[in-house]
Amino acid sequence: MSPWDAVWNVGVPLVVVIGAVFAVVLAFSDPPEQFSRPRGWEWAWVGPWLITACTAAFGEDRSWFERAWRGAVALLFAVAVVVAVWRHYRWRWQARRANNVPPPPDPSAQPDS
């Protein structure tokens, strides 16, 4: 294996997995009020996530190592997003409760007229 092959086949996946682990750490450690839901260009992250998840699940012509690191990256990014969203909504709920703001009305609880 040439040095370039080693960098491409081992180094790049290692950097990507470390970046995904870093995203999970940030999701747990960043203040929840700084989390921004996708409103614009942030939706572009869905594409790479889908590509890594689909390649890990359905990439028959890929090596086991590539499928494994792509699956790990997809899983780590999904965990990071779920944790960040959960923390943000919990923070909003607690801030609303601390300010005695009533929750929004439940449309299913209103009688039909």
C-alpha atoms as a PDB file:
ATOM      1  CA  MET A   1       0.000   0.000   0.000  1.00  0.00           C
ATOM      2  CA  SER A   2       1.416   3.370  -0.997  1.00  0.00           C
ATOM      3  CA  PRO A   3       1.526   6.254   1.492  1.00  0.00           C
ATOM      4  CA  TRP A   4      -1.295   8.025  -0.350  1.00  0.00           C
ATOM      5  CA  ASP A   5      -3.465   4.929  -0.158  1.00  0.00           C
ATOM      6  CA  ALA A   6      -2.785   4.671   3.562  1.00  0.00           C
ATOM      7  CA  VAL A   7      -3.698   8.328   4.088  1.00  0.00           C
ATOM      8  CA  TRP A   8      -6.869   8.010   1.997  1.00  0.00           C
ATOM      9  CA  ASN A   9      -8.018   4.627   3.357  1.00  0.00           C
ATOM     10  CA  VAL A  10      -7.058   5.042   7.021  1.00  0.00           C
ATOM     11  CA  GLY A  11      -6.216   8.678   7.775  1.00  0.00           C
ATOM     12  CA  VAL A  12      -9.287  10.334   6.285  1.00  0.00           C
ATOM     13  CA  PRO A  13     -11.772   7.957   7.947  1.00  0.00           C
ATOM     14  CA  LEU A  14      -9.975   8.421  11.261  1.00  0.00           C
ATOM     15  CA  VAL A  15     -10.234  12.219  10.985  1.00  0.00           C
ATOM     16  CA  VAL A  16     -13.926  12.014  10.027  1.00  0.00           C
ATOM     17  CA  VAL A  17     -14.776   9.710  12.944  1.00  0.00           C
ATOM     18  CA  ILE A  18     -12.871  11.964  15.368  1.00  0.00           C
ATOM     19  CA  GLY A  19     -14.820  14.929  13.988  1.00  0.00           C
ATOM     20  CA  ALA A  20     -18.100  13.086  14.596  1.00  0.00           C
ATOM     21  CA  VAL A  21     -17.038  12.288  18.175  1.00  0.00           C
ATOM     22  CA  PHE A  22     -16.201  15.977  18.610  1.00  0.00           C
ATOM     23  CA  ALA A  23     -19.720  16.875  17.393  1.00  0.00           C
ATOM     24  CA  VAL A  24     -21.231  14.580  20.040  1.00  0.00           C
ATOM     25  CA  VAL A  25     -19.038  16.120  22.756  1.00  0.00           C
ATOM     26  CA  LEU A  26     -20.138  19.600  21.661  1.00  0.00           C
ATOM     27  CA  ALA A  27     -23.782  18.531  21.715  1.00  0.00           C
ATOM     28  CA  PHE A  28     -23.400  17.497  25.354  1.00  0.00           C
ATOM     29  CA  SER A  29     -21.234  20.444  26.470  1.00  0.00           C
ATOM     30  CA  ASP A  30     -22.476  23.531  24.559  1.00  0.00           C
ATOM     31  CA  PRO A  31     -25.119  25.669  26.237  1.00  0.00           C
ATOM     32  CA  PRO A  32     -28.527  24.618  24.925  1.00  0.00           C
ATOM     33  CA  GLU A  33     -29.588  28.208  24.217  1.00  0.00           C
ATOM     34  CA  GLN A  34     -26.947  28.400  21.480  1.00  0.00           C
ATOM     35  CA  PHE A  35     -28.428  25.539  19.500  1.00  0.00           C
ATOM     36  CA  SER A  36     -29.923  26.664  16.210  1.00  0.00           C
ATOM     37  CA  ARG A  37     -32.485  24.502  14.485  1.00  0.00           C
ATOM     38  CA  PRO A  38     -31.935  24.106  10.769  1.00  0.00           C
ATOM     39  CA  ARG A  39     -33.603  27.066   9.113  1.00  0.00           C
ATOM     40  CA  GLY A  40     -31.531  27.655   6.001  1.00  0.00           C
ATOM     41  CA  TRP A  41     -28.239  26.312   4.744  1.00  0.00           C
ATOM     42  CA  GLU A  42     -27.980  23.968   7.740  1.00  0.00           C
ATOM     43  CA  TRP A  43     -30.245  21.528   5.867  1.00  0.00           C
ATOM     44  CA  ALA A  44     -27.242  20.795   3.648  1.00  0.00           C
ATOM     45  CA  TRP A  45     -25.949  18.534   6.461  1.00  0.00           C
ATOM     46  CA  VAL A  46     -28.775  16.111   5.759  1.00  0.00           C
ATOM     47  CA  GLY A  47     -27.141  15.160   2.444  1.00  0.00           C
ATOM     48  CA  PRO A  48     -23.793  13.958   3.838  1.00  0.00           C
ATOM     49  CA  TRP A  49     -25.593  12.183   6.679  1.00  0.00           C
ATOM     50  CA  LEU A  50     -27.831  10.326   4.221  1.00  0.00           C
ATOM     51  CA  ILE A  51     -24.868   9.463   2.006  1.00  0.00           C
ATOM     52  CA  THR A  52     -22.862   7.989   4.893  1.00  0.00           C
ATOM     53  CA  ALA A  53     -25.863   6.112   6.308  1.00  0.00           C
ATOM     54  CA  CYS A  54     -26.900   4.686   2.932  1.00  0.00           C
ATOM     55  CA  THR A  55     -23.365   3.715   1.970  1.00  0.00           C
ATOM     56  CA  ALA A  56     -22.961   1.946   5.303  1.00  0.00           C
ATOM     57  CA  ALA A  57     -26.259   0.131   4.909  1.00  0.00           C
ATOM     58  CA  PHE A  58     -26.348  -0.639   1.192  1.00  0.00           C
ATOM     59  CA  GLY A  59     -22.762  -0.350  -0.088  1.00  0.00           C
ATOM     60  CA  GLU A  60     -22.230  -3.904  -1.316  1.00  0.00           C
ATOM     61  CA  ASP A  61     -19.110  -3.043  -3.310  1.00  0.00           C
ATOM     62  CA  ARG A  62     -17.459  -1.344  -0.305  1.00  0.00           C
ATOM     63  CA  SER A  63     -15.026  -2.930   2.105  1.00  0.00           C
ATOM     64  CA  TRP A  64     -16.192  -3.804   5.592  1.00  0.00           C
ATOM     65  CA  PHE A  65     -13.891  -1.110   7.019  1.00  0.00           C
ATOM     66  CA  GLU A  66     -15.448   1.639   4.887  1.00  0.00           C
ATOM     67  CA  ARG A  67     -18.970   0.521   5.713  1.00  0.00           C
ATOM     68  CA  ALA A  68     -18.085   0.399   9.408  1.00  0.00           C
ATOM     69  CA  TRP A  69     -16.586   3.884   9.637  1.00  0.00           C
ATOM     70  CA  ARG A  70     -19.369   5.413   7.559  1.00  0.00           C
ATOM     71  CA  GLY A  71     -21.966   3.765   9.790  1.00  0.00           C
ATOM     72  CA  ALA A  72     -20.175   5.005  12.897  1.00  0.00           C
ATOM     73  CA  VAL A  73     -20.086   8.551  11.526  1.00  0.00           C
ATOM     74  CA  ALA A  74     -23.785   8.463  10.590  1.00  0.00           C
ATOM     75  CA  LEU A  75     -24.699   7.139  14.037  1.00  0.00           C
ATOM     76  CA  LEU A  76     -22.551   9.688  15.876  1.00  0.00           C
ATOM     77  CA  PHE A  77     -23.999  12.619  13.927  1.00  0.00           C
ATOM     78  CA  ALA A  78     -27.532  11.363  14.534  1.00  0.00           C
ATOM     79  CA  VAL A  79     -26.797  11.094  18.277  1.00  0.00           C
ATOM     80  CA  ALA A  80     -25.328  14.616  18.288  1.00  0.00           C
ATOM     81  CA  VAL A  81     -28.413  16.098  16.633  1.00  0.00           C
ATOM     82  CA  VAL A  82     -30.859  14.245  18.876  1.00  0.00           C
ATOM     83  CA  VAL A  83     -28.992  15.283  22.030  1.00  0.00           C
ATOM     84  CA  ALA A  84     -28.715  18.922  20.917  1.00  0.00           C
ATOM     85  CA  VAL A  85     -32.410  19.136  20.013  1.00  0.00           C
ATOM     86  CA  TRP A  86     -33.490  17.412  23.232  1.00  0.00           C
ATOM     87  CA  ARG A  87     -31.326  19.733  25.371  1.00  0.00           C
ATOM     88  CA  HIS A  88     -32.582  22.809  23.506  1.00  0.00           C
ATOM     89  CA  TYR A  89     -36.249  21.940  23.939  1.00  0.00           C
ATOM     90  CA  ARG A  90     -35.738  21.001  27.587  1.00  0.00           C
ATOM     91  CA  TRP A  91     -33.989  24.354  28.133  1.00  0.00           C
ATOM     92  CA  ARG A  92     -36.890  26.225  26.441  1.00  0.00           C
ATOM     93  CA  TRP A  93     -39.420  24.337  28.574  1.00  0.00           C
ATOM     94  CA  GLN A  94     -37.542  25.160  31.767  1.00  0.00           C
ATOM     95  CA  ALA A  95     -37.158  28.837  30.779  1.00  0.00           C
ATOM     96  CA  ARG A  96     -40.880  29.048  29.995  1.00  0.00           C
ATOM     97  CA  ARG A  97     -41.737  27.408  33.311  1.00  0.00           C
ATOM     98  CA  ALA A  98     -39.404  29.754  35.226  1.00  0.00           C
ATOM     99  CA  ASN A  99     -41.121  32.778  33.654  1.00  0.00           C
ATOM    100  CA  ASN A 100     -44.577  31.324  34.345  1.00  0.00           C
ATOM    101  CA  VAL A 101     -45.472  31.433  30.676  1.00  0.00           C
ATOM    102  CA  PRO A 102     -48.362  29.080  30.008  1.00  0.00           C
ATOM    103  CA  PRO A 103     -47.697  26.340  27.487  1.00  0.00           C
ATOM    104  CA  PRO A 104     -49.254  26.738  24.061  1.00  0.00           C
ATOM    105  CA  PRO A 105     -52.845  25.484  23.907  1.00  0.00           C
ATOM    106  CA  ASP A 106     -53.413  21.919  22.864  1.00  0.00           C
ATOM    107  CA  PRO A 107     -55.691  21.954  19.811  1.00  0.00           C
ATOM    108  CA  SER A 108     -57.023  18.496  20.593  1.00  0.00           C
ATOM    109  CA  ALA A 109     -58.244  19.628  24.043  1.00  0.00           C
ATOM    110  CA  GLN A 110     -60.563  22.351  22.697  1.00  0.00           C
ATOM    111  CA  PRO A 111     -64.209  21.372  22.205  1.00  0.00           C
ATOM    112  CA  ASP A 112     -65.653  21.387  18.706  1.00  0.00           C
ATOM    113  CA  SER A 113     -68.141  24.154  18.098  1.00  0.00           C
END
